[in-house]
Protein backbone atom coordinates (compact mmCIF):
# COMPACT_ATOMS: atom_id res chain seq x y z
CA MET A 1 -14.18 0.06 -14.40
CA SER A 2 -15.14 -3.07 -12.60
CA THR A 3 -12.89 -2.82 -9.47
CA MET A 4 -12.98 -0.22 -6.66
CA ARG A 5 -10.33 2.47 -6.74
CA LEU A 6 -9.26 4.66 -3.95
CA THR A 7 -7.57 8.01 -4.73
CA VAL A 8 -6.50 10.06 -1.88
CA ILE A 9 -7.17 13.64 -2.39
CA GLY A 10 -6.34 15.25 0.83
CA CYS A 11 -5.16 13.63 3.94
CA SER A 12 -4.05 16.20 6.06
CA GLY A 13 -5.57 16.78 9.60
CA SER A 14 -7.43 19.79 10.90
CA PHE A 15 -5.97 22.16 8.24
CA PRO A 16 -4.34 22.16 4.91
CA GLY A 17 -0.53 21.09 4.79
CA PRO A 18 1.99 22.28 2.23
CA ASP A 19 1.61 19.09 0.43
CA SER A 20 -2.10 18.13 0.96
CA PRO A 21 -5.35 19.39 1.47
CA SER A 22 -7.73 18.23 4.14
CA SER A 23 -9.75 15.30 4.42
CA CYS A 24 -11.30 13.89 0.94
CA TYR A 25 -11.43 10.65 -0.83
CA LEU A 26 -12.51 9.40 -4.24
CA LEU A 27 -13.82 6.19 -4.98
CA GLU A 28 -14.62 5.15 -8.60
CA ALA A 29 -16.20 2.00 -9.57
CA GLU A 30 -18.42 1.03 -13.10
CA GLY A 31 -17.88 4.71 -14.17
CA PHE A 32 -19.56 5.93 -10.63
CA ARG A 33 -17.67 8.43 -8.82
CA LEU A 34 -18.10 9.07 -4.84
CA VAL A 35 -16.43 11.53 -2.49
CA ILE A 36 -16.05 10.99 0.83
CA ASP A 37 -15.54 14.20 2.84
CA MET A 38 -14.24 17.65 1.22
CA GLY A 39 -12.19 19.64 3.40
CA ASN A 40 -10.29 22.85 2.84
CA GLY A 41 -8.38 22.80 -0.41
CA ALA A 42 -10.01 19.83 -1.73
CA LEU A 43 -11.85 20.67 -4.89
CA GLY A 44 -8.96 21.98 -6.31
CA VAL A 45 -6.87 19.15 -6.04
CA LEU A 46 -9.98 16.68 -6.93
CA GLN A 47 -9.68 18.62 -10.50
CA ARG A 48 -6.47 16.74 -10.94
CA TYR A 49 -8.03 13.46 -10.69
CA ALA A 50 -11.63 13.79 -12.24
CA GLU A 51 -13.48 16.31 -14.45
CA LEU A 52 -15.35 19.20 -12.20
CA PHE A 53 -18.66 17.87 -12.89
CA SER A 54 -18.08 14.04 -13.14
CA ILE A 55 -18.78 13.39 -9.31
CA ASP A 56 -22.04 11.55 -8.91
CA ALA A 57 -22.41 11.46 -4.94
CA ILE A 58 -20.69 13.30 -2.03
CA CYS A 59 -20.67 11.71 1.56
CA VAL A 60 -19.54 14.08 4.53
CA SER A 61 -18.64 12.46 7.71
CA HIS A 62 -19.08 15.11 10.14
CA LEU A 63 -19.28 19.01 9.93
CA HIS A 64 -16.01 20.15 10.99
CA ALA A 65 -14.55 22.47 8.33
CA ASP A 66 -11.54 20.25 7.40
CA HIS A 67 -14.19 17.62 6.48
CA CYS A 68 -16.83 19.47 4.52
CA ILE A 69 -16.10 22.85 4.07
CA ASP A 70 -15.02 22.51 0.47
CA ALA A 71 -18.41 21.12 -0.43
CA GLY A 72 -19.67 24.83 -0.40
CA SER A 73 -17.11 25.80 -3.13
CA TYR A 74 -18.76 22.80 -5.44
CA TRP A 75 -22.19 24.37 -4.39
CA ILE A 76 -20.89 27.29 -6.21
CA ALA A 77 -18.91 25.69 -9.23
CA ARG A 78 -22.29 23.59 -10.33
CA GLN A 79 -24.93 26.47 -9.71
CA PHE A 80 -22.88 28.85 -11.66
CA ALA A 81 -21.35 26.70 -14.50
CA PRO A 82 -20.92 28.93 -17.72
CA ASP A 83 -23.74 26.60 -19.37
CA GLY A 84 -26.00 26.76 -16.75
CA PRO A 85 -26.77 24.82 -13.34
CA LYS A 86 -25.69 21.38 -13.02
CA PRO A 87 -28.46 18.94 -12.24
CA ALA A 88 -28.74 18.20 -8.38
CA ILE A 89 -26.64 15.41 -7.01
CA PRO A 90 -26.82 13.48 -3.57
CA LEU A 91 -24.93 14.35 -0.68
CA TYR A 92 -25.34 12.47 2.30
CA GLY A 93 -24.07 13.82 5.62
CA PRO A 94 -25.47 14.46 9.25
CA PRO A 95 -28.29 16.43 9.90
CA GLY A 96 -27.51 20.39 9.52
CA THR A 97 -25.28 19.50 6.62
CA ALA A 98 -27.15 22.06 3.94
CA ASP A 99 -26.82 24.91 6.51
CA ARG A 100 -23.23 24.42 7.25
CA ILE A 101 -22.07 24.20 3.94
CA LYS A 102 -24.33 26.75 1.83
CA PRO A 103 -22.19 29.44 0.55
CA PHE A 104 -22.76 32.99 1.79
CA LEU A 105 -23.91 34.89 -1.42
CA GLY A 106 -25.13 38.20 0.00
CA GLY A 107 -28.34 38.33 -1.30
CA GLY A 108 -29.46 40.11 -4.64
CA PRO A 109 -30.75 38.72 -7.77
CA HIS A 110 -28.18 35.92 -8.29
CA GLN A 111 -29.14 34.13 -4.94
CA ARG A 112 -31.13 31.18 -5.85
CA ASP A 113 -33.06 28.96 -3.79
CA ASP A 114 -32.73 25.74 -5.20
CA ALA A 115 -29.29 23.89 -4.26
CA PRO A 116 -27.17 21.80 -6.56
CA PHE A 117 -27.43 18.72 -4.30
CA THR A 118 -30.00 16.46 -3.06
CA PHE A 119 -29.39 16.51 0.65
CA ARG A 120 -29.96 13.00 2.75
CA ASP A 121 -29.43 12.68 6.04
CA LEU A 122 -26.87 10.04 6.92
CA ALA A 123 -28.13 7.05 9.46
CA VAL A 124 -26.54 4.04 11.06
CA GLY A 125 -26.70 1.10 8.77
CA PRO A 126 -26.03 0.12 5.10
CA ARG A 127 -27.55 1.77 2.21
CA GLU A 128 -26.75 1.45 -1.61
CA ILE A 129 -24.76 4.48 -3.45
CA GLY A 130 -24.19 3.89 -6.99
CA PRO A 131 -22.64 0.48 -7.35
CA PHE A 132 -21.28 0.65 -3.86
CA ARG A 133 -22.84 -0.94 -0.34
CA VAL A 134 -21.81 1.84 2.02
CA THR A 135 -22.38 1.14 5.93
CA THR A 136 -22.28 3.78 8.35
CA ASP A 137 -21.82 4.09 12.22
CA HIS A 138 -21.42 6.79 14.80
CA MET A 139 -17.62 7.32 15.97
CA ASN A 140 -16.38 8.86 18.92
CA HIS A 141 -15.87 12.47 18.47
CA PRO A 142 -17.58 15.68 19.70
CA VAL A 143 -19.96 16.38 17.11
CA GLU A 144 -22.07 13.71 15.03
CA THR A 145 -19.50 11.88 13.13
CA PHE A 146 -19.74 8.72 10.39
CA GLY A 147 -17.38 5.99 9.70
CA PHE A 148 -17.78 4.13 6.62
CA ARG A 149 -17.28 0.64 5.10
CA VAL A 150 -17.44 0.96 1.20
CA GLU A 151 -17.87 -2.56 -0.48
CA HIS A 152 -17.81 -3.33 -4.18
CA ALA A 153 -17.41 -6.63 -6.11
CA GLY A 154 -15.58 -8.32 -2.96
CA ALA A 155 -13.29 -4.99 -1.96
CA ARG A 156 -13.75 -3.81 1.46
CA LEU A 157 -12.47 -0.38 2.39
CA ALA A 158 -13.00 1.08 5.91
CA TYR A 159 -12.74 4.76 6.75
CA SER A 160 -12.63 5.92 10.31
CA ALA A 161 -13.42 9.61 9.95
CA ASP A 162 -12.54 11.33 12.99
CA THR A 163 -12.77 9.24 16.18
CA GLY A 164 -11.01 8.87 19.70
CA GLU A 165 -10.95 4.96 20.78
CA CYS A 166 -14.12 3.36 19.26
CA ASP A 167 -15.47 -0.39 19.30
CA ALA A 168 -17.84 0.65 16.79
CA LEU A 169 -14.76 1.37 14.26
CA VAL A 170 -13.40 -2.02 15.06
CA THR A 171 -17.09 -3.72 13.81
CA LEU A 172 -16.94 -1.42 10.80
CA ALA A 173 -13.31 -2.50 9.45
CA GLU A 174 -13.70 -6.20 10.27
CA GLY A 175 -11.72 -8.21 7.80
CA ALA A 176 -11.33 -5.04 5.74
CA ASP A 177 -8.92 -5.25 2.82
CA VAL A 178 -7.64 -1.69 3.64
CA LEU A 179 -8.56 0.51 6.75
CA LEU A 180 -8.08 4.31 6.01
CA CYS A 181 -7.67 5.39 9.81
CA GLU A 182 -7.04 8.70 11.29
CA ALA A 183 -3.44 9.30 13.18
CA SER A 184 -3.75 12.51 14.63
CA TYR A 185 -2.17 12.12 17.72
CA LEU A 186 1.73 11.00 18.57
CA ASP A 187 2.08 9.26 21.87
CA GLY A 188 2.11 11.84 24.74
CA PRO A 189 0.26 13.14 28.27
CA ASP A 190 -1.67 15.82 27.03
CA ASN A 191 -3.86 14.30 24.12
CA THR A 192 -7.34 15.05 24.31
CA PRO A 193 -9.47 11.81 25.04
CA ASN A 194 -12.46 10.87 22.95
CA LEU A 195 -11.39 13.27 20.20
CA HIS A 196 -8.59 11.70 17.88
CA LEU A 197 -6.32 8.49 17.72
CA THR A 198 -2.82 8.41 18.47
CA ALA A 199 -0.92 6.44 15.66
CA ARG A 200 -0.22 3.48 18.46
CA GLN A 201 -4.17 3.35 18.90
CA ALA A 202 -5.04 3.13 15.19
CA GLY A 203 -2.63 0.32 14.83
CA GLU A 204 -4.32 -1.33 17.87
CA HIS A 205 -7.98 -0.77 16.01
CA ALA A 206 -6.54 -2.11 12.79
CA THR A 207 -4.91 -5.20 14.62
CA ARG A 208 -8.57 -5.84 16.58
CA ALA A 209 -10.49 -5.65 13.18
CA GLY A 210 -8.03 -7.97 11.47
CA VAL A 211 -7.28 -5.47 8.53
CA ALA A 212 -5.13 -6.73 5.74
CA ARG A 213 -3.80 -3.03 5.42
CA LEU A 214 -3.33 -0.04 7.37
CA ILE A 215 -3.23 3.33 5.92
CA LEU A 216 -2.92 6.25 8.23
CA THR A 217 -4.39 9.44 7.57
CA HIS A 218 -5.67 12.79 8.96
CA LEU A 219 -2.23 13.24 9.35
CA VAL A 220 -1.81 16.97 11.38
CA PRO A 221 1.35 18.72 9.21
CA TRP A 222 3.41 19.40 12.39
CA ASN A 223 3.57 15.90 13.36
CA ASP A 224 6.77 14.17 12.21
CA ARG A 225 5.71 11.16 9.80
CA GLU A 226 8.19 8.72 10.65
CA ARG A 227 7.41 8.74 14.25
CA THR A 228 3.52 8.37 13.31
CA ARG A 229 4.66 5.32 11.17
CA SER A 230 6.96 3.66 14.01
CA GLN A 231 4.24 4.15 16.62
CA ALA A 232 1.79 2.53 14.60
CA ALA A 233 3.98 -0.52 13.57
CA GLN A 234 4.28 -1.23 17.37
CA THR A 235 0.63 -2.28 17.45
CA TYR A 236 0.14 -3.41 13.77
CA ALA A 237 2.23 -5.93 12.01
CA GLY A 238 0.42 -5.90 8.81
CA PRO A 239 1.47 -3.71 5.77
CA LEU A 240 1.42 0.08 6.96
CA SER A 241 1.73 3.25 4.96
CA LEU A 242 1.00 7.03 5.41
CA ALA A 243 -1.59 8.58 3.11
CA THR A 244 -0.36 10.95 0.72
CA SER A 245 -2.28 13.29 -1.52
CA GLY A 246 -2.42 11.78 -5.06
CA MET A 247 -2.10 8.35 -3.61
CA VAL A 248 -3.93 5.60 -5.89
CA LEU A 249 -5.14 1.75 -4.42
CA GLU A 250 -7.46 -0.92 -5.42
CA PRO A 251 -8.53 -2.57 -2.52
């Protein structure tokens, strides 16, 4: 596969919804599979689109459960596979990721000190992960959180992770073919600042960045999807859609 393909595994915000796990995105190019975020319920649905042990690398944007907790389930799967532990794959995340996701196994003879992941701390700036050029920057969220720009063969995808209003997101997404942007809030007076974006704010960020297409994600199950879409459309005039589990794109 020479082009980059994105499969939305999970797009539900804060907790799994009836139609989607929490945040998880599968990127594929040249036979390499990179998973960005692995929130509640993601591992089960991921297996519909990739063989369980075919993942080559994982990135975790931040350490809230709806973005990372199923990496602990994947730890179990890789460590206790029936034909023996699988080779370690790189897992990139903020400092403390290993302690956050390591499953509690209760001690005993089956407890192992080695991990099925090689943990690598994320930092601001570019790096190569397989065939992808991945650039990260800090977002506006209460815990250390990274947004992503992923490039391959001329295709450019940006992902906001979780963020409030954030100039760094505009810079990260500048000129992207697709911005996968969180839209946790609808317009209202009680939205907590510096935590999440409204759909209207997501549209504003996409317009400022000049992206070719906006896909809203991190959609909290109790929000009305049509209101989310219409509020974003007030500030972004380009192609606009709401993420769904199983959506496939080739930016």
